[in-house]
Protein backbone atom coordinates (compact mmCIF):
# COMPACT_ATOMS: atom_id res chain seq x y z
CA ASP A 1 10.79 2.67 -1.27
CA ARG A 2 10.04 -0.21 1.05
CA CYS A 3 6.47 0.84 1.83
CA CYS A 4 5.57 0.94 -1.86
CA PHE A 5 7.32 -2.37 -2.53
CA VAL A 6 5.34 -4.11 0.22
CA HIS A 7 2.14 -2.47 -1.08
CA ARG A 8 2.75 -3.73 -4.64
CA CYS A 9 3.41 -7.23 -3.30
CA CYS A 10 0.23 -7.10 -1.23
CA TYR A 11 -1.78 -6.12 -4.33
CA LYS A 12 -0.25 -9.04 -6.28
CA LYS A 13 -1.71 -11.45 -3.71
CA VAL A 14 -5.24 -10.08 -4.20
CA THR A 15 -7.51 -12.32 -6.28
CA GLY A 16 -11.11 -11.86 -7.34
CA CYS A 17 -11.15 -8.08 -7.78
CA ASP A 18 -9.07 -5.25 -9.22
CA PRO A 19 -7.16 -3.45 -6.45
CA LYS A 20 -6.56 -0.39 -8.61
CA LYS A 21 -10.15 0.07 -9.81
CA ASP A 22 -12.63 -1.51 -7.41
CA ARG A 23 -13.83 0.57 -4.47
CA TYR A 24 -14.19 -0.55 -0.89
CA SER A 25 -15.64 0.87 2.30
CA TYR A 26 -13.68 1.97 5.34
CA SER A 27 -14.07 4.28 8.30
CA TRP A 28 -11.90 6.27 10.67
CA GLU A 29 -12.49 5.28 14.30
CA ASN A 30 -10.42 6.28 17.33
CA LYS A 31 -7.59 7.51 15.09
CA ALA A 32 -7.45 4.20 13.19
CA ILE A 33 -8.48 3.05 9.73
CA VAL A 34 -11.14 0.34 9.92
CA CYS A 35 -11.78 -1.76 6.82
CA GLY A 36 -15.53 -2.32 6.80
CA GLU A 37 -15.84 -4.29 3.61
CA LYS A 38 -17.80 -7.56 3.66
CA ASN A 39 -16.37 -8.75 0.32
CA PRO A 40 -13.19 -10.72 1.21
CA CYS A 41 -11.27 -9.49 -1.82
CA LEU A 42 -12.10 -5.83 -1.26
CA LYS A 43 -11.32 -6.20 2.44
CA GLN A 44 -7.88 -7.49 1.47
CA VAL A 45 -7.36 -4.46 -0.81
CA CYS A 46 -8.38 -2.18 2.05
CA GLU A 47 -5.92 -3.92 4.38
CA CYS A 48 -3.12 -3.43 1.80
CA ASP A 49 -3.92 0.28 1.58
CA LYS A 50 -4.20 0.57 5.35
CA ALA A 51 -0.77 -1.06 5.76
CA VAL A 52 0.89 1.31 3.27
CA ALA A 53 -0.71 4.34 4.93
CA ILE A 54 0.65 3.25 8.31
CA CYS A 55 4.07 2.47 6.83
CA LEU A 56 4.30 5.88 5.17
CA ARG A 57 3.26 7.62 8.39
CA GLU A 58 5.84 5.69 10.42
CA ASN A 59 8.62 6.52 7.94
CA LEU A 60 7.74 10.16 7.29
CA GLY A 61 10.86 11.33 9.11
CA THR A 62 13.16 9.53 6.66
CA TYR A 63 11.37 10.65 3.49
CA ASN A 64 13.67 12.40 1.01
CA LYS A 65 11.78 14.29 -1.70
CA ASN A 66 14.96 14.39 -3.81
CA HIS A 67 14.55 10.66 -4.49
CA ARG A 68 11.16 11.11 -6.18
CA VAL A 69 12.77 11.47 -9.61
CA THR A 70 15.63 9.01 -9.20
CA VAL A 71 16.64 7.56 -12.56
CA LYS A 72 15.70 3.87 -12.60
CA PHE A 73 19.07 2.62 -13.88
CA LEU A 74 20.67 3.93 -10.68
CA CYS A 75 18.50 1.60 -8.61
CA LYS A 76 19.40 -1.98 -7.82
CA ALA A 77 17.34 -4.76 -9.39
CA PRO A 78 13.98 -5.13 -7.67
CA GLU A 79 13.59 -8.04 -5.30
CA SER A 80 10.73 -10.45 -5.78
CA CYS A 81 7.71 -10.48 -3.49
């Protein structure tokens, strides 16, 4: 879906750390995710994850669990980031 596509593109822009393995710090303040990382790369990873969390929350009403196992050949070619 669109949220995941944007998240993958965001991760591709990250340089200097591994978005899938390296850990970062964050907090939850006033019902908002706050990226508290000093390391610029890890802060960027946190911002990518924050953006996808917000996107998923905002699109929860249109989520269709039947599309979780959609066969890839039925999908159109992926667009580039």
